Amino acid sequence: MSSNFRYNTTFDEYLKIWRANVTDELVSKFFIKFTYYSIKIYDKNLLLHDINSIFISETFSNPKIKSSILCRIKNYKEIYEMFFKLSKTNKTKLSIELIKCFYDILTKNIFTKDTIKKKTLAETYTENSLILLINNINLQKSNVNELNIISKFYCLFFKYSSHLQYCNQELYKVFINYLLISKNIPPIFFSDKHAEKYFFAVSNFNKKKDTSKMYEFLKEEIFTTWISNYNLRLKKLNDILIE
């Protein structure tokens, strides 16, 4: 199948193109930019070149960047390498241990963690609910609408884990991309211009138990991440992230 797609390609058609042409190099380019967008909010001096340097050559030469930012970049790189390791060894099943592992890597050397407090009954109940949710998605068959399943899982994951010690906004973004990549669906940047739609989708679920807005958000974010210029009539998939 051609790696080209048009601006009006349907989502199902686009998924077929992605799955036929995705490579380790393509995901690597994505993750470098994802790291840049995720960390730039902490330091406006950060350049995409800085991320490239650490991911590709493991060197760093920008004197304006704080050591804490450098730690964050290295943590994201470790997460990225973990994605590939899990994928290549077919260990893509979800678990509480995996969530905690992602959190520990993301926060490593960033701040001094408080002593872990003994779980309350409420926290134990919350974590048990999360385990049931994880077991459910692990049992889902691959011939169903996987993006819809991920949308439902993400809304419930956000709800159950928001009060747990080992969860935060960065983890949610990393984890949703882990889910997308593990299901061979294009990962996303979480654009700032769509932040309002993201929180509306979460709020809509909390109020109405409706996941359709999260489904719409993820779908739109996939297109925005990979088709950055809607006016382009034709674009090669492998060239998207060079812009």
C-alpha atoms as a PDB file:
ATOM      1  CA  MET A   1       0.000   0.000   0.000  1.00  0.00           C
ATOM      2  CA  SER A   2       1.224   3.509  -0.811  1.00  0.00           C
ATOM      3  CA  SER A   3       2.528   5.565   2.099  1.00  0.00           C
ATOM      4  CA  ASN A   4       0.794   8.638   0.673  1.00  0.00           C
ATOM      5  CA  PHE A   5      -2.531   9.914   1.924  1.00  0.00           C
ATOM      6  CA  ARG A   6      -4.775  12.836   1.057  1.00  0.00           C
ATOM      7  CA  TYR A   7      -6.094  15.468   3.434  1.00  0.00           C
ATOM      8  CA  ASN A   8      -9.584  13.929   3.205  1.00  0.00           C
ATOM      9  CA  THR A   9      -8.488  10.353   3.875  1.00  0.00           C
ATOM     10  CA  THR A  10     -10.976   8.638   6.206  1.00  0.00           C
ATOM     11  CA  PHE A  11      -9.810   7.498   9.612  1.00  0.00           C
ATOM     12  CA  ASP A  12     -10.100   3.773   8.750  1.00  0.00           C
ATOM     13  CA  GLU A  13      -8.184   4.315   5.511  1.00  0.00           C
ATOM     14  CA  TYR A  14      -5.528   6.243   7.375  1.00  0.00           C
ATOM     15  CA  LEU A  15      -5.148   3.452   9.940  1.00  0.00           C
ATOM     16  CA  LYS A  16      -4.454   0.996   7.113  1.00  0.00           C
ATOM     17  CA  ILE A  17      -1.807   3.312   5.667  1.00  0.00           C
ATOM     18  CA  TRP A  18      -0.211   3.782   9.094  1.00  0.00           C
ATOM     19  CA  ARG A  19      -0.114   0.057   9.837  1.00  0.00           C
ATOM     20  CA  ALA A  20       1.358  -0.746   6.444  1.00  0.00           C
ATOM     21  CA  ASN A  21       4.124   1.867   6.700  1.00  0.00           C
ATOM     22  CA  VAL A  22       4.966   2.467  10.361  1.00  0.00           C
ATOM     23  CA  THR A  23       8.641   1.933  11.235  1.00  0.00           C
ATOM     24  CA  ASP A  24      10.835   2.238  14.312  1.00  0.00           C
ATOM     25  CA  GLU A  25      12.333   5.375  12.754  1.00  0.00           C
ATOM     26  CA  LEU A  26       8.901   6.952  12.355  1.00  0.00           C
ATOM     27  CA  VAL A  27       7.967   6.269  16.002  1.00  0.00           C
ATOM     28  CA  SER A  28      11.375   7.567  17.081  1.00  0.00           C
ATOM     29  CA  LYS A  29      10.785  10.864  15.250  1.00  0.00           C
ATOM     30  CA  PHE A  30       7.378  11.099  16.868  1.00  0.00           C
ATOM     31  CA  PHE A  31       8.694  10.490  20.383  1.00  0.00           C
ATOM     32  CA  ILE A  32      11.399  13.131  20.044  1.00  0.00           C
ATOM     33  CA  LYS A  33       8.741  15.719  19.188  1.00  0.00           C
ATOM     34  CA  PHE A  34       6.368  14.380  21.842  1.00  0.00           C
ATOM     35  CA  THR A  35       9.141  14.831  24.431  1.00  0.00           C
ATOM     36  CA  TYR A  36       9.773  18.366  23.190  1.00  0.00           C
ATOM     37  CA  TYR A  37       6.113  19.401  23.450  1.00  0.00           C
ATOM     38  CA  SER A  38       5.751  17.702  26.844  1.00  0.00           C
ATOM     39  CA  ILE A  39       8.800  19.349  28.432  1.00  0.00           C
ATOM     40  CA  LYS A  40       8.855  22.769  26.773  1.00  0.00           C
ATOM     41  CA  ILE A  41       6.167  23.966  29.212  1.00  0.00           C
ATOM     42  CA  TYR A  42       8.845  23.806  31.945  1.00  0.00           C
ATOM     43  CA  ASP A  43      11.480  25.820  30.055  1.00  0.00           C
ATOM     44  CA  LYS A  44      10.893  28.092  27.047  1.00  0.00           C
ATOM     45  CA  ASN A  45      14.623  27.990  26.210  1.00  0.00           C
ATOM     46  CA  LEU A  46      14.345  24.343  25.246  1.00  0.00           C
ATOM     47  CA  LEU A  47      14.916  23.606  21.546  1.00  0.00           C
ATOM     48  CA  LEU A  48      13.927  20.578  19.519  1.00  0.00           C
ATOM     49  CA  HIS A  49      17.622  20.255  18.695  1.00  0.00           C
ATOM     50  CA  ASP A  50      18.339  19.696  22.411  1.00  0.00           C
ATOM     51  CA  ILE A  51      15.989  16.701  22.470  1.00  0.00           C
ATOM     52  CA  ASN A  52      17.499  15.342  19.261  1.00  0.00           C
ATOM     53  CA  SER A  53      20.994  15.592  20.700  1.00  0.00           C
ATOM     54  CA  ILE A  54      20.164  13.487  23.740  1.00  0.00           C
ATOM     55  CA  PHE A  55      18.003  10.938  21.954  1.00  0.00           C
ATOM     56  CA  ILE A  56      20.356  10.390  19.027  1.00  0.00           C
ATOM     57  CA  SER A  57      23.910  11.197  20.163  1.00  0.00           C
ATOM     58  CA  GLU A  58      23.459  11.414  23.964  1.00  0.00           C
ATOM     59  CA  THR A  59      25.214  14.788  24.007  1.00  0.00           C
ATOM     60  CA  PHE A  60      23.963  18.113  25.332  1.00  0.00           C
ATOM     61  CA  SER A  61      25.415  21.586  24.724  1.00  0.00           C
ATOM     62  CA  ASN A  62      22.740  24.161  25.590  1.00  0.00           C
ATOM     63  CA  PRO A  63      24.027  26.108  28.662  1.00  0.00           C
ATOM     64  CA  LYS A  64      20.616  27.768  29.180  1.00  0.00           C
ATOM     65  CA  ILE A  65      18.883  24.501  30.054  1.00  0.00           C
ATOM     66  CA  LYS A  66      18.544  23.589  33.722  1.00  0.00           C
ATOM     67  CA  SER A  67      19.724  20.228  35.042  1.00  0.00           C
ATOM     68  CA  SER A  68      16.143  19.318  35.997  1.00  0.00           C
ATOM     69  CA  ILE A  69      15.104  19.694  32.336  1.00  0.00           C
ATOM     70  CA  LEU A  70      17.990  17.508  31.266  1.00  0.00           C
ATOM     71  CA  CYS A  71      16.758  14.859  33.720  1.00  0.00           C
ATOM     72  CA  ARG A  72      13.258  15.056  32.256  1.00  0.00           C
ATOM     73  CA  ILE A  73      14.582  14.544  28.718  1.00  0.00           C
ATOM     74  CA  LYS A  74      16.621  11.521  29.775  1.00  0.00           C
ATOM     75  CA  ASN A  75      13.580  10.090  31.582  1.00  0.00           C
ATOM     76  CA  TYR A  76      11.448  10.415  28.446  1.00  0.00           C
ATOM     77  CA  LYS A  77      14.177   8.730  26.435  1.00  0.00           C
ATOM     78  CA  GLU A  78      14.172   5.815  28.878  1.00  0.00           C
ATOM     79  CA  ILE A  79      10.387   5.550  28.520  1.00  0.00           C
ATOM     80  CA  TYR A  80      10.736   5.591  24.730  1.00  0.00           C
ATOM     81  CA  GLU A  81      13.286   2.772  24.814  1.00  0.00           C
ATOM     82  CA  MET A  82      10.998   0.835  27.120  1.00  0.00           C
ATOM     83  CA  PHE A  83       8.175   1.142  24.577  1.00  0.00           C
ATOM     84  CA  PHE A  84      10.307  -0.627  22.001  1.00  0.00           C
ATOM     85  CA  LYS A  85      11.548  -3.273  24.400  1.00  0.00           C
ATOM     86  CA  LEU A  86       7.998  -4.142  25.476  1.00  0.00           C
ATOM     87  CA  SER A  87       6.768  -4.192  21.903  1.00  0.00           C
ATOM     88  CA  LYS A  88       9.548  -6.413  20.594  1.00  0.00           C
ATOM     89  CA  THR A  89       9.212  -8.944  23.405  1.00  0.00           C
ATOM     90  CA  ASN A  90       5.415  -9.046  23.027  1.00  0.00           C
ATOM     91  CA  LYS A  91       4.917  -7.923  26.623  1.00  0.00           C
ATOM     92  CA  THR A  92       2.380  -5.221  25.878  1.00  0.00           C
ATOM     93  CA  LYS A  93      -0.180  -6.307  28.471  1.00  0.00           C
ATOM     94  CA  LEU A  94      -1.196  -3.637  30.932  1.00  0.00           C
ATOM     95  CA  SER A  95      -0.639  -3.856  34.684  1.00  0.00           C
ATOM     96  CA  ILE A  96      -0.445  -1.734  37.827  1.00  0.00           C
ATOM     97  CA  GLU A  97       3.258  -2.555  37.935  1.00  0.00           C
ATOM     98  CA  LEU A  98       3.723  -1.122  34.438  1.00  0.00           C
ATOM     99  CA  ILE A  99       1.920   2.099  35.387  1.00  0.00           C
ATOM    100  CA  LYS A 100       4.091   2.468  38.493  1.00  0.00           C
ATOM    101  CA  CYS A 101       7.200   1.748  36.433  1.00  0.00           C
ATOM    102  CA  PHE A 102       6.336   4.514  33.946  1.00  0.00           C
ATOM    103  CA  TYR A 103       5.704   6.929  36.817  1.00  0.00           C
ATOM    104  CA  ASP A 104       8.997   6.077  38.534  1.00  0.00           C
ATOM    105  CA  ILE A 105      10.930   6.658  35.301  1.00  0.00           C
ATOM    106  CA  LEU A 106       9.158   9.939  34.514  1.00  0.00           C
ATOM    107  CA  THR A 107       9.830  11.371  37.973  1.00  0.00           C
ATOM    108  CA  LYS A 108      13.350   9.999  38.464  1.00  0.00           C
ATOM    109  CA  ASN A 109      15.770  12.688  39.739  1.00  0.00           C
ATOM    110  CA  ILE A 110      13.091  15.372  39.309  1.00  0.00           C
ATOM    111  CA  PHE A 111      12.065  15.772  42.918  1.00  0.00           C
ATOM    112  CA  THR A 112      12.532  14.029  46.237  1.00  0.00           C
ATOM    113  CA  LYS A 113       9.630  11.667  46.741  1.00  0.00           C
ATOM    114  CA  ASP A 114       7.859  11.664  50.054  1.00  0.00           C
ATOM    115  CA  THR A 115       7.825   8.461  52.027  1.00  0.00           C
ATOM    116  CA  ILE A 116       5.074   6.263  50.613  1.00  0.00           C
ATOM    117  CA  LYS A 117       2.212   6.312  53.050  1.00  0.00           C
ATOM    118  CA  LYS A 118       0.218   3.259  53.940  1.00  0.00           C
ATOM    119  CA  LYS A 119      -2.763   2.868  51.639  1.00  0.00           C
ATOM    120  CA  THR A 120      -6.129   3.834  52.977  1.00  0.00           C
ATOM    121  CA  LEU A 121      -9.150   1.594  52.367  1.00  0.00           C
ATOM    122  CA  ALA A 122     -10.349   4.094  49.743  1.00  0.00           C
ATOM    123  CA  GLU A 123      -7.026   3.923  47.884  1.00  0.00           C
ATOM    124  CA  THR A 124      -7.047   0.130  48.020  1.00  0.00           C
ATOM    125  CA  TYR A 125     -10.574   0.094  46.586  1.00  0.00           C
ATOM    126  CA  THR A 126      -9.530   2.544  43.855  1.00  0.00           C
ATOM    127  CA  GLU A 127      -6.515   0.450  42.889  1.00  0.00           C
ATOM    128  CA  ASN A 128      -8.603  -2.745  42.836  1.00  0.00           C
ATOM    129  CA  SER A 129     -11.057  -1.012  40.478  1.00  0.00           C
ATOM    130  CA  LEU A 130      -8.132  -0.030  38.265  1.00  0.00           C
ATOM    131  CA  ILE A 131      -6.854  -3.631  38.245  1.00  0.00           C
ATOM    132  CA  LEU A 132     -10.280  -4.866  37.095  1.00  0.00           C
ATOM    133  CA  LEU A 133     -10.271  -2.240  34.355  1.00  0.00           C
ATOM    134  CA  ILE A 134      -6.784  -3.281  33.212  1.00  0.00           C
ATOM    135  CA  ASN A 135      -7.745  -6.960  33.178  1.00  0.00           C
ATOM    136  CA  ASN A 136     -10.751  -6.072  31.049  1.00  0.00           C
ATOM    137  CA  ILE A 137      -8.743  -4.262  28.360  1.00  0.00           C
ATOM    138  CA  ASN A 138      -6.156  -7.069  28.315  1.00  0.00           C
ATOM    139  CA  LEU A 139      -8.962  -9.484  27.383  1.00  0.00           C
ATOM    140  CA  GLN A 140     -10.359  -7.340  24.558  1.00  0.00           C
ATOM    141  CA  LYS A 141     -10.239  -8.954  21.123  1.00  0.00           C
ATOM    142  CA  SER A 142      -8.360  -7.208  18.317  1.00  0.00           C
ATOM    143  CA  ASN A 143     -11.276  -7.239  15.864  1.00  0.00           C
ATOM    144  CA  VAL A 144     -13.287  -4.605  17.733  1.00  0.00           C
ATOM    145  CA  ASN A 145     -13.058  -0.804  17.548  1.00  0.00           C
ATOM    146  CA  GLU A 146      -9.807  -0.443  19.480  1.00  0.00           C
ATOM    147  CA  LEU A 147      -9.824   3.354  19.576  1.00  0.00           C
ATOM    148  CA  ASN A 148     -13.267   3.235  21.176  1.00  0.00           C
ATOM    149  CA  ILE A 149     -11.999   0.752  23.775  1.00  0.00           C
ATOM    150  CA  ILE A 150      -8.979   2.973  24.492  1.00  0.00           C
ATOM    151  CA  SER A 151     -11.281   6.003  24.864  1.00  0.00           C
ATOM    152  CA  LYS A 152     -13.404   4.189  27.451  1.00  0.00           C
ATOM    153  CA  PHE A 153     -10.350   2.830  29.234  1.00  0.00           C
ATOM    154  CA  TYR A 154      -8.691   6.250  29.357  1.00  0.00           C
ATOM    155  CA  CYS A 155     -11.750   7.957  30.864  1.00  0.00           C
ATOM    156  CA  LEU A 156     -12.004   5.285  33.552  1.00  0.00           C
ATOM    157  CA  PHE A 157      -8.236   5.237  34.082  1.00  0.00           C
ATOM    158  CA  PHE A 158      -8.289   9.002  34.653  1.00  0.00           C
ATOM    159  CA  LYS A 159     -11.180   8.613  37.100  1.00  0.00           C
ATOM    160  CA  TYR A 160      -9.764   5.719  39.131  1.00  0.00           C
ATOM    161  CA  SER A 161      -6.144   6.855  39.262  1.00  0.00           C
ATOM    162  CA  SER A 162      -6.484  10.603  39.857  1.00  0.00           C
ATOM    163  CA  HIS A 163      -6.110  10.207  43.635  1.00  0.00           C
ATOM    164  CA  LEU A 164      -3.320   7.630  43.570  1.00  0.00           C
ATOM    165  CA  GLN A 165       0.197   8.669  44.551  1.00  0.00           C
ATOM    166  CA  TYR A 166       1.799   7.281  41.418  1.00  0.00           C
ATOM    167  CA  CYS A 167      -0.234   9.145  38.782  1.00  0.00           C
ATOM    168  CA  ASN A 168      -0.005  12.618  37.226  1.00  0.00           C
ATOM    169  CA  GLN A 169      -0.780  14.448  33.971  1.00  0.00           C
ATOM    170  CA  GLU A 170       2.511  13.478  32.319  1.00  0.00           C
ATOM    171  CA  LEU A 171       1.856   9.827  33.068  1.00  0.00           C
ATOM    172  CA  TYR A 172      -1.624  10.037  31.494  1.00  0.00           C
ATOM    173  CA  LYS A 173      -0.160  11.398  28.260  1.00  0.00           C
ATOM    174  CA  VAL A 174       2.643   8.851  28.130  1.00  0.00           C
ATOM    175  CA  PHE A 175       0.325   5.991  28.996  1.00  0.00           C
ATOM    176  CA  ILE A 176      -2.296   6.835  26.373  1.00  0.00           C
ATOM    177  CA  ASN A 177       0.471   6.786  23.753  1.00  0.00           C
ATOM    178  CA  TYR A 178       1.646   3.444  25.055  1.00  0.00           C
ATOM    179  CA  LEU A 179      -1.890   2.130  24.552  1.00  0.00           C
ATOM    180  CA  LEU A 180      -2.130   3.595  21.052  1.00  0.00           C
ATOM    181  CA  ILE A 181       1.260   2.269  19.955  1.00  0.00           C
ATOM    182  CA  SER A 182       0.613  -1.174  21.471  1.00  0.00           C
ATOM    183  CA  LYS A 183      -2.620  -1.354  19.438  1.00  0.00           C
ATOM    184  CA  ASN A 184      -0.815  -0.117  16.301  1.00  0.00           C
ATOM    185  CA  ILE A 185      -2.726   3.174  16.268  1.00  0.00           C
ATOM    186  CA  PRO A 186      -0.882   6.477  15.591  1.00  0.00           C
ATOM    187  CA  PRO A 187       0.272   8.178  18.838  1.00  0.00           C
ATOM    188  CA  ILE A 188      -0.518  11.831  19.584  1.00  0.00           C
ATOM    189  CA  PHE A 189       1.150  15.053  20.777  1.00  0.00           C
ATOM    190  CA  PHE A 190      -1.642  16.440  22.997  1.00  0.00           C
ATOM    191  CA  SER A 191      -1.633  19.864  21.361  1.00  0.00           C
ATOM    192  CA  ASP A 192      -2.084  22.885  23.662  1.00  0.00           C
ATOM    193  CA  LYS A 193      -4.706  24.284  21.300  1.00  0.00           C
ATOM    194  CA  HIS A 194      -6.850  21.208  22.000  1.00  0.00           C
ATOM    195  CA  ALA A 195      -6.447  21.288  25.800  1.00  0.00           C
ATOM    196  CA  GLU A 196      -9.962  22.636  26.260  1.00  0.00           C
ATOM    197  CA  LYS A 197     -11.432  19.782  24.202  1.00  0.00           C
ATOM    198  CA  TYR A 198      -9.418  17.269  26.216  1.00  0.00           C
ATOM    199  CA  PHE A 199     -10.684  18.507  29.583  1.00  0.00           C
ATOM    200  CA  PHE A 200     -14.214  18.790  28.183  1.00  0.00           C
ATOM    201  CA  ALA A 201     -14.018  15.112  27.148  1.00  0.00           C
ATOM    202  CA  VAL A 202     -12.923  14.146  30.670  1.00  0.00           C
ATOM    203  CA  SER A 203     -15.631  16.327  32.239  1.00  0.00           C
ATOM    204  CA  ASN A 204     -18.281  14.952  29.900  1.00  0.00           C
ATOM    205  CA  PHE A 205     -17.488  11.435  31.054  1.00  0.00           C
ATOM    206  CA  ASN A 206     -17.501  12.398  34.727  1.00  0.00           C
ATOM    207  CA  LYS A 207     -20.928  14.013  34.392  1.00  0.00           C
ATOM    208  CA  LYS A 208     -22.675  11.782  31.842  1.00  0.00           C
ATOM    209  CA  LYS A 209     -20.588   8.566  31.728  1.00  0.00           C
ATOM    210  CA  ASP A 210     -20.274   9.313  28.012  1.00  0.00           C
ATOM    211  CA  THR A 211     -16.954   8.486  26.293  1.00  0.00           C
ATOM    212  CA  SER A 212     -17.896   9.761  22.822  1.00  0.00           C
ATOM    213  CA  LYS A 213     -16.173  13.131  23.376  1.00  0.00           C
ATOM    214  CA  MET A 214     -12.916  11.398  24.352  1.00  0.00           C
ATOM    215  CA  TYR A 215     -13.197   9.230  21.229  1.00  0.00           C
ATOM    216  CA  GLU A 216     -13.683  12.355  19.099  1.00  0.00           C
ATOM    217  CA  PHE A 217     -10.777  14.109  20.848  1.00  0.00           C
ATOM    218  CA  LEU A 218      -8.344  11.226  20.271  1.00  0.00           C
ATOM    219  CA  LYS A 219      -9.422  10.864  16.653  1.00  0.00           C
ATOM    220  CA  GLU A 220      -8.979  14.583  15.967  1.00  0.00           C
ATOM    221  CA  GLU A 221      -5.659  14.667  17.800  1.00  0.00           C
ATOM    222  CA  ILE A 222      -4.364  11.785  15.677  1.00  0.00           C
ATOM    223  CA  PHE A 223      -5.166  13.708  12.506  1.00  0.00           C
ATOM    224  CA  THR A 224      -3.708  16.941  13.912  1.00  0.00           C
ATOM    225  CA  THR A 225      -0.498  15.185  14.985  1.00  0.00           C
ATOM    226  CA  TRP A 226       0.097  13.471  11.664  1.00  0.00           C
ATOM    227  CA  ILE A 227      -1.548  15.822   9.174  1.00  0.00           C
ATOM    228  CA  SER A 228      -0.344  19.154  10.486  1.00  0.00           C
ATOM    229  CA  ASN A 229      -1.364  21.053   7.370  1.00  0.00           C
ATOM    230  CA  TYR A 230      -4.911  20.271   6.307  1.00  0.00           C
ATOM    231  CA  ASN A 231      -4.412  22.204   3.064  1.00  0.00           C
ATOM    232  CA  LEU A 232      -1.880  19.704   1.767  1.00  0.00           C
ATOM    233  CA  ARG A 233      -3.442  17.565  -0.933  1.00  0.00           C
ATOM    234  CA  LEU A 234      -0.825  14.862  -0.691  1.00  0.00           C
ATOM    235  CA  LYS A 235       1.747  14.008   1.954  1.00  0.00           C
ATOM    236  CA  LYS A 236       4.135  11.133   2.530  1.00  0.00           C
ATOM    237  CA  LEU A 237       3.673   9.535   5.938  1.00  0.00           C
ATOM    238  CA  ASN A 238       7.421   9.321   6.511  1.00  0.00           C
ATOM    239  CA  ASP A 239       7.832  13.081   5.951  1.00  0.00           C
ATOM    240  CA  ILE A 240       5.187  14.291   8.418  1.00  0.00           C
ATOM    241  CA  LEU A 241       7.485  14.811  11.389  1.00  0.00           C
ATOM    242  CA  ILE A 242      10.241  16.560   9.454  1.00  0.00           C
ATOM    243  CA  GLU A 243       8.262  19.821   9.388  1.00  0.00           C
END
